[in-house]
Amino acid sequence: MSLDNTEIAKPLHKRWFEQVLAASDQVLLIGEDDEGPAGVVRFDLSEDSATISIYLAQERFGQGLGSSLLRAAEHWLATSHPEILWVHAQVRAVNTASLRLFEQGGYRLDFYHFSRKIQA
């Protein structure tokens, strides 16, 4: 359900991962519980705001972990980067689980983005 749903070749994904780890304006967090890895949260930082990307490990879907992962990541961000005042999220319209997660997490809808593929 990422914003870009095309398949990513392993070498390209590895290069992206290495760039994220090296970047000073990006943070990658791995959420775990007693059963192991639960999901990943990425924050892209920019002055006083951050854009969040969150996903659960596929084997952990449906266990109600999204909200606790989101809250834990927000808490980490608030304590580690107090300059960040706003967190923004972009969610595909068909991703009802993420829409519900952010709405229940206190996020508000700022705008709609419409797209249409033009056919000749």
Protein backbone atom coordinates (compact mmCIF):
# COMPACT_ATOMS: atom_id res chain seq x y z
CA MET A 1 0.00 0.00 0.00
CA SER A 2 2.92 2.35 -0.45
CA LEU A 3 2.40 5.49 -2.50
CA ASP A 4 4.41 3.90 -5.31
CA ASN A 5 3.04 0.40 -5.70
CA THR A 6 5.38 -0.73 -8.47
CA GLU A 7 7.70 -3.62 -7.64
CA ILE A 8 11.19 -2.48 -6.65
CA ALA A 9 14.20 -4.51 -7.73
CA LYS A 10 16.28 -5.75 -4.80
CA PRO A 11 19.45 -3.76 -5.75
CA LEU A 12 17.43 -0.53 -6.00
CA HIS A 13 15.74 -1.21 -2.68
CA LYS A 14 19.13 -1.91 -1.05
CA ARG A 15 20.51 1.38 -2.40
CA TRP A 16 17.42 3.27 -1.15
CA PHE A 17 17.77 1.64 2.29
CA GLU A 18 21.45 2.60 2.54
CA GLN A 19 20.61 6.19 1.55
CA VAL A 20 17.90 6.43 4.21
CA LEU A 21 20.26 5.14 6.89
CA ALA A 22 22.92 7.68 5.88
CA ALA A 23 20.56 10.67 5.54
CA SER A 24 20.44 13.24 8.33
CA ASP A 25 16.87 14.26 7.44
CA GLN A 26 15.39 10.76 7.50
CA VAL A 27 14.82 8.43 10.43
CA LEU A 28 13.96 4.74 10.19
CA LEU A 29 12.52 3.04 13.27
CA ILE A 30 11.76 -0.66 13.71
CA GLY A 31 8.95 -1.50 16.11
CA GLU A 32 9.12 -4.75 18.06
CA ASP A 33 7.16 -6.50 20.78
CA ASP A 34 7.54 -9.81 22.61
CA GLU A 35 6.66 -11.69 19.41
CA GLY A 36 9.36 -9.96 17.34
CA PRO A 37 9.36 -7.29 14.64
CA ALA A 38 5.99 -5.58 14.25
CA GLY A 39 6.60 -2.88 11.68
CA VAL A 40 8.63 0.05 10.43
CA VAL A 41 8.16 3.80 10.70
CA ARG A 42 10.08 6.33 8.62
CA PHE A 43 10.10 10.06 9.29
CA ASP A 44 11.26 12.47 6.60
CA LEU A 45 12.25 15.60 8.54
CA SER A 46 11.96 19.15 7.24
CA GLU A 47 12.39 22.17 9.53
CA ASP A 48 9.42 22.00 11.96
CA SER A 49 7.55 19.11 10.33
CA ALA A 50 7.95 15.47 9.40
CA THR A 51 6.23 13.19 6.94
CA ILE A 52 5.52 9.75 8.32
CA SER A 53 5.50 6.44 6.52
CA ILE A 54 4.35 3.43 8.52
CA TYR A 55 3.81 -0.20 7.70
CA LEU A 56 3.33 -3.40 9.61
CA ALA A 57 5.15 -6.63 8.95
CA GLN A 58 2.81 -8.69 6.78
CA GLU A 59 2.66 -11.53 9.29
CA ARG A 60 1.46 -9.04 11.92
CA PHE A 61 -1.54 -7.69 9.96
CA GLY A 62 -4.84 -7.72 11.82
CA GLN A 63 -3.33 -7.80 15.31
CA GLY A 64 -4.20 -4.19 16.17
CA LEU A 65 -0.57 -3.08 16.33
CA GLY A 66 -0.79 -0.03 14.08
CA SER A 67 -1.98 2.45 16.70
CA SER A 68 0.61 1.44 19.30
CA LEU A 69 3.38 1.58 16.69
CA LEU A 70 2.18 5.03 15.62
CA ARG A 71 2.02 6.33 19.22
CA ALA A 72 5.45 4.92 20.06
CA ALA A 73 6.99 6.50 16.96
CA GLU A 74 5.36 9.87 17.71
CA HIS A 75 6.68 9.71 21.28
CA TRP A 76 10.18 8.92 20.01
CA LEU A 77 9.97 11.82 17.55
CA ALA A 78 8.77 14.29 20.21
CA THR A 79 11.61 13.40 22.58
CA SER A 80 14.35 13.02 19.97
CA HIS A 81 13.40 15.93 17.70
CA PRO A 82 11.55 18.56 19.77
CA GLU A 83 11.82 21.02 16.88
CA ILE A 84 9.23 18.97 14.97
CA LEU A 85 5.77 20.45 15.57
CA TRP A 86 3.76 18.75 12.82
CA VAL A 87 3.55 15.24 11.41
CA HIS A 88 2.04 14.74 7.97
CA ALA A 89 0.88 11.50 6.40
CA GLN A 90 -0.01 10.66 2.81
CA VAL A 91 -2.31 7.68 2.35
CA ARG A 92 -3.66 6.08 -0.80
CA ALA A 93 -7.46 6.36 -0.91
CA VAL A 94 -7.83 2.56 -1.14
CA ASN A 95 -5.75 1.98 2.00
CA THR A 96 -8.65 1.94 4.45
CA ALA A 97 -6.54 0.54 7.31
CA SER A 98 -4.12 3.49 7.19
CA LEU A 99 -6.93 5.99 6.72
CA ARG A 100 -8.60 4.63 9.86
CA LEU A 101 -5.28 4.53 11.75
CA PHE A 102 -4.51 8.20 11.17
CA GLU A 103 -8.10 9.38 11.71
CA GLN A 104 -8.27 7.49 15.03
CA GLY A 105 -4.79 8.80 15.88
CA GLY A 106 -6.03 12.39 15.81
CA TYR A 107 -4.81 13.35 12.34
CA ARG A 108 -7.08 15.59 10.32
CA LEU A 109 -7.64 15.69 6.60
CA ASP A 110 -5.90 18.72 5.07
CA PHE A 111 -6.73 18.32 1.37
CA TYR A 112 -7.79 15.91 -1.34
CA HIS A 113 -5.57 14.98 -4.27
CA PHE A 114 -7.36 13.73 -7.39
CA SER A 115 -5.75 11.85 -10.31
CA ARG A 116 -6.98 10.58 -13.61
CA LYS A 117 -5.11 8.74 -16.32
CA ILE A 118 -5.78 10.32 -19.69
CA GLN A 119 -6.56 7.89 -22.50
CA ALA A 120 -6.01 8.82 -26.16
